[in-house]
């Protein structure tokens, strides 16, 4: 599956100088991404900021909604942090769909440290907001810039 990237999006926009520049992979059932936090991603000294962990998990779950042919936005999310994520340690975030209805998709995601230990887990509900094909046409005709 080809994912649609917004050029300036904070999580995956390749042209956003302050962005996380996430890339995604899928096997058709799960979506995952890896990320290595830098010193500027720190919250507590030496650890990745919890809000940025949440951002990465949210973005990977949003890409799961893409597997259904739609875009979605977070309606609610519940997280449990189990381990601190050290600055400089590559994490892997995996997400999958738990249940999908016409306009609502329930998902779950896990964040793993490089040793495989679970660092965070999330459950979320996303609202479907549009079809990917319609957004592709718009992005291609407008260079990814929404006015």
C-alpha atoms as a PDB file:
ATOM      1  CA  UNK A   1       0.000   0.000   0.000  1.00  0.00           C
ATOM      2  CA  UNK A   2       1.200   3.488  -0.817  1.00  0.00           C
ATOM      3  CA  UNK A   3       0.649   5.938   2.031  1.00  0.00           C
ATOM      4  CA  UNK A   4      -0.246   9.559   1.337  1.00  0.00           C
ATOM      5  CA  UNK A   5       2.170  11.984   2.997  1.00  0.00           C
ATOM      6  CA  UNK A   6       1.344  15.620   3.688  1.00  0.00           C
ATOM      7  CA  UNK A   7       4.519  17.568   2.967  1.00  0.00           C
ATOM      8  CA  UNK A   8       4.265  19.772   6.084  1.00  0.00           C
ATOM      9  CA  UNK A   9       2.540  17.442   8.559  1.00  0.00           C
ATOM     10  CA  UNK A  10       4.318  17.352  11.926  1.00  0.00           C
ATOM     11  CA  UNK A  11       4.555  13.567  12.178  1.00  0.00           C
ATOM     12  CA  UNK A  12       5.415  12.568   8.612  1.00  0.00           C
ATOM     13  CA  UNK A  13       5.950  15.701   6.534  1.00  0.00           C
ATOM     14  CA  UNK A  14       9.331  15.474   4.859  1.00  0.00           C
ATOM     15  CA  UNK A  15       9.423  19.252   4.318  1.00  0.00           C
ATOM     16  CA  UNK A  16       8.649  20.157   7.936  1.00  0.00           C
ATOM     17  CA  UNK A  17      12.000  21.102   9.515  1.00  0.00           C
ATOM     18  CA  UNK A  18      10.643  20.512  13.036  1.00  0.00           C
ATOM     19  CA  UNK A  19       8.760  17.331  12.083  1.00  0.00           C
ATOM     20  CA  UNK A  20       9.365  13.728  13.105  1.00  0.00           C
ATOM     21  CA  UNK A  21       9.689  12.503   9.471  1.00  0.00           C
ATOM     22  CA  UNK A  22       7.997   9.163  10.166  1.00  0.00           C
ATOM     23  CA  UNK A  23       7.823   6.504   7.458  1.00  0.00           C
ATOM     24  CA  UNK A  24       5.369   3.620   7.573  1.00  0.00           C
ATOM     25  CA  UNK A  25       5.287  -0.025   6.578  1.00  0.00           C
ATOM     26  CA  UNK A  26       2.446  -2.532   6.473  1.00  0.00           C
ATOM     27  CA  UNK A  27       1.718  -6.180   5.896  1.00  0.00           C
ATOM     28  CA  UNK A  28      -1.932  -5.387   5.137  1.00  0.00           C
ATOM     29  CA  UNK A  29      -3.068  -6.109   8.689  1.00  0.00           C
ATOM     30  CA  UNK A  30      -0.700  -4.036  10.814  1.00  0.00           C
ATOM     31  CA  UNK A  31       1.109  -0.765  10.276  1.00  0.00           C
ATOM     32  CA  UNK A  32       4.424   0.039  11.926  1.00  0.00           C
ATOM     33  CA  UNK A  33       7.063   2.709  12.075  1.00  0.00           C
ATOM     34  CA  UNK A  34      10.399   3.122  13.802  1.00  0.00           C
ATOM     35  CA  UNK A  35      11.668   6.290  15.422  1.00  0.00           C
ATOM     36  CA  UNK A  36      14.841   7.302  17.223  1.00  0.00           C
ATOM     37  CA  UNK A  37      14.301  10.219  19.625  1.00  0.00           C
ATOM     38  CA  UNK A  38      16.915  12.974  19.625  1.00  0.00           C
ATOM     39  CA  UNK A  39      17.823  15.295  22.512  1.00  0.00           C
ATOM     40  CA  UNK A  40      15.246  17.850  21.316  1.00  0.00           C
ATOM     41  CA  UNK A  41      12.524  15.199  21.844  1.00  0.00           C
ATOM     42  CA  UNK A  42      13.314  14.972  25.541  1.00  0.00           C
ATOM     43  CA  UNK A  43      10.816  15.501  28.348  1.00  0.00           C
ATOM     44  CA  UNK A  44      12.340  14.329  31.605  1.00  0.00           C
ATOM     45  CA  UNK A  45      16.166  14.384  31.283  1.00  0.00           C
ATOM     46  CA  UNK A  46      17.311  11.524  29.067  1.00  0.00           C
ATOM     47  CA  UNK A  47      13.794  10.318  28.188  1.00  0.00           C
ATOM     48  CA  UNK A  48      11.495  10.906  25.227  1.00  0.00           C
ATOM     49  CA  UNK A  49       8.601  13.267  25.967  1.00  0.00           C
ATOM     50  CA  UNK A  50       5.335  11.403  26.595  1.00  0.00           C
ATOM     51  CA  UNK A  51       3.419  13.712  24.277  1.00  0.00           C
ATOM     52  CA  UNK A  52       5.720  12.791  21.411  1.00  0.00           C
ATOM     53  CA  UNK A  53       5.320   9.083  22.172  1.00  0.00           C
ATOM     54  CA  UNK A  54       1.578   9.709  21.984  1.00  0.00           C
ATOM     55  CA  UNK A  55       2.006  11.552  18.671  1.00  0.00           C
ATOM     56  CA  UNK A  56       3.903   8.676  17.072  1.00  0.00           C
ATOM     57  CA  UNK A  57       1.334   6.124  18.280  1.00  0.00           C
ATOM     58  CA  UNK A  58      -1.537   8.316  17.065  1.00  0.00           C
ATOM     59  CA  UNK A  59       0.026   8.675  13.620  1.00  0.00           C
ATOM     60  CA  UNK A  60       0.667   4.947  13.205  1.00  0.00           C
ATOM     61  CA  UNK A  61      -2.949   4.202  14.184  1.00  0.00           C
ATOM     62  CA  UNK A  62      -4.145   6.818  11.687  1.00  0.00           C
ATOM     63  CA  UNK A  63      -2.272   4.913   8.970  1.00  0.00           C
ATOM     64  CA  UNK A  64      -4.200   1.775   9.939  1.00  0.00           C
ATOM     65  CA  UNK A  65      -7.412   3.587   9.029  1.00  0.00           C
ATOM     66  CA  UNK A  66      -5.770   4.117   5.615  1.00  0.00           C
ATOM     67  CA  UNK A  67      -5.776   0.327   5.156  1.00  0.00           C
ATOM     68  CA  UNK A  68      -9.572   0.597   4.881  1.00  0.00           C
ATOM     69  CA  UNK A  69      -9.273   3.239   2.143  1.00  0.00           C
ATOM     70  CA  UNK A  70     -10.124   6.159   4.418  1.00  0.00           C
ATOM     71  CA  UNK A  71      -8.556   8.926   6.447  1.00  0.00           C
ATOM     72  CA  UNK A  72      -9.505   9.300  10.071  1.00  0.00           C
ATOM     73  CA  UNK A  73      -8.912  11.597  13.015  1.00  0.00           C
ATOM     74  CA  UNK A  74      -8.605  10.719  16.668  1.00  0.00           C
ATOM     75  CA  UNK A  75     -11.869  10.862  18.595  1.00  0.00           C
ATOM     76  CA  UNK A  76     -10.342   9.525  21.806  1.00  0.00           C
ATOM     77  CA  UNK A  77      -7.225   7.743  22.955  1.00  0.00           C
ATOM     78  CA  UNK A  78      -6.194   5.982  26.148  1.00  0.00           C
ATOM     79  CA  UNK A  79      -2.508   5.324  26.839  1.00  0.00           C
ATOM     80  CA  UNK A  80      -0.534   3.400  29.366  1.00  0.00           C
ATOM     81  CA  UNK A  81       3.160   4.127  29.676  1.00  0.00           C
ATOM     82  CA  UNK A  82       5.135   1.145  30.980  1.00  0.00           C
ATOM     83  CA  UNK A  83       8.795   2.101  30.425  1.00  0.00           C
ATOM     84  CA  UNK A  84      10.667   5.301  29.764  1.00  0.00           C
ATOM     85  CA  UNK A  85      12.107   5.590  26.269  1.00  0.00           C
ATOM     86  CA  UNK A  86      15.751   6.685  26.389  1.00  0.00           C
ATOM     87  CA  UNK A  87      16.926   9.394  24.014  1.00  0.00           C
ATOM     88  CA  UNK A  88      18.819   7.724  21.168  1.00  0.00           C
ATOM     89  CA  UNK A  89      17.059   4.351  21.442  1.00  0.00           C
ATOM     90  CA  UNK A  90      15.116   3.260  18.378  1.00  0.00           C
ATOM     91  CA  UNK A  91      11.523   2.305  19.111  1.00  0.00           C
ATOM     92  CA  UNK A  92       9.042   0.388  16.991  1.00  0.00           C
ATOM     93  CA  UNK A  93       5.363   1.320  17.060  1.00  0.00           C
ATOM     94  CA  UNK A  94       2.859  -1.216  15.713  1.00  0.00           C
ATOM     95  CA  UNK A  95      -0.867  -0.657  15.296  1.00  0.00           C
ATOM     96  CA  UNK A  96      -3.832  -2.715  14.176  1.00  0.00           C
ATOM     97  CA  UNK A  97      -7.569  -2.387  13.717  1.00  0.00           C
ATOM     98  CA  UNK A  98      -9.727  -3.957  16.408  1.00  0.00           C
ATOM     99  CA  UNK A  99     -13.150  -3.097  14.974  1.00  0.00           C
ATOM    100  CA  UNK A 100     -14.366  -1.017  12.030  1.00  0.00           C
ATOM    101  CA  UNK A 101     -17.800   0.406  11.353  1.00  0.00           C
ATOM    102  CA  UNK A 102     -18.996   2.874   8.748  1.00  0.00           C
ATOM    103  CA  UNK A 103     -17.675   6.038  10.412  1.00  0.00           C
ATOM    104  CA  UNK A 104     -15.790   4.740  13.484  1.00  0.00           C
ATOM    105  CA  UNK A 105     -12.623   2.621  13.697  1.00  0.00           C
ATOM    106  CA  UNK A 106     -11.289   1.175  16.961  1.00  0.00           C
ATOM    107  CA  UNK A 107      -7.544   0.524  17.073  1.00  0.00           C
ATOM    108  CA  UNK A 108      -4.741  -0.528  19.349  1.00  0.00           C
ATOM    109  CA  UNK A 109      -1.028   0.219  19.266  1.00  0.00           C
ATOM    110  CA  UNK A 110       2.096  -0.881  21.097  1.00  0.00           C
ATOM    111  CA  UNK A 111       5.486   0.780  21.387  1.00  0.00           C
ATOM    112  CA  UNK A 112       8.508  -1.477  21.852  1.00  0.00           C
ATOM    113  CA  UNK A 113      12.041  -0.704  22.953  1.00  0.00           C
ATOM    114  CA  UNK A 114      14.913  -2.084  20.874  1.00  0.00           C
ATOM    115  CA  UNK A 115      15.137  -5.102  23.229  1.00  0.00           C
ATOM    116  CA  UNK A 116      11.471  -5.957  22.522  1.00  0.00           C
ATOM    117  CA  UNK A 117      10.178  -4.731  25.883  1.00  0.00           C
ATOM    118  CA  UNK A 118       6.755  -3.043  25.825  1.00  0.00           C
ATOM    119  CA  UNK A 119       7.167   0.674  26.578  1.00  0.00           C
ATOM    120  CA  UNK A 120       3.629   1.967  25.907  1.00  0.00           C
ATOM    121  CA  UNK A 121       0.243   0.719  24.791  1.00  0.00           C
ATOM    122  CA  UNK A 122      -2.767   2.583  23.462  1.00  0.00           C
ATOM    123  CA  UNK A 123      -6.373   2.074  22.514  1.00  0.00           C
ATOM    124  CA  UNK A 124      -8.081   4.631  20.322  1.00  0.00           C
ATOM    125  CA  UNK A 125     -11.234   5.420  18.423  1.00  0.00           C
ATOM    126  CA  UNK A 126     -10.938   7.274  15.130  1.00  0.00           C
ATOM    127  CA  UNK A 127     -13.657   9.045  13.144  1.00  0.00           C
ATOM    128  CA  UNK A 128     -13.589   8.500   9.381  1.00  0.00           C
ATOM    129  CA  UNK A 129     -13.327  11.884   7.628  1.00  0.00           C
ATOM    130  CA  UNK A 130     -12.765  11.083   3.953  1.00  0.00           C
ATOM    131  CA  UNK A 131     -11.704   8.691   1.237  1.00  0.00           C
ATOM    132  CA  UNK A 132      -8.030   8.402   0.343  1.00  0.00           C
ATOM    133  CA  UNK A 133      -8.660   8.581  -3.420  1.00  0.00           C
ATOM    134  CA  UNK A 134     -10.381  11.963  -3.059  1.00  0.00           C
ATOM    135  CA  UNK A 135      -7.498  13.270  -0.942  1.00  0.00           C
ATOM    136  CA  UNK A 136      -4.903  11.970  -3.431  1.00  0.00           C
ATOM    137  CA  UNK A 137      -6.558  13.960  -6.220  1.00  0.00           C
ATOM    138  CA  UNK A 138      -6.594  17.074  -4.063  1.00  0.00           C
ATOM    139  CA  UNK A 139      -2.997  16.689  -2.875  1.00  0.00           C
ATOM    140  CA  UNK A 140      -1.717  16.050  -6.409  1.00  0.00           C
ATOM    141  CA  UNK A 141      -3.562  19.052  -7.836  1.00  0.00           C
ATOM    142  CA  UNK A 142      -2.485  21.417  -5.058  1.00  0.00           C
ATOM    143  CA  UNK A 143       1.029  20.191  -4.172  1.00  0.00           C
ATOM    144  CA  UNK A 144      -0.181  19.062  -0.760  1.00  0.00           C
ATOM    145  CA  UNK A 145      -0.966  22.584   0.413  1.00  0.00           C
ATOM    146  CA  UNK A 146      -4.399  23.218   1.845  1.00  0.00           C
ATOM    147  CA  UNK A 147      -5.549  26.844   1.594  1.00  0.00           C
END
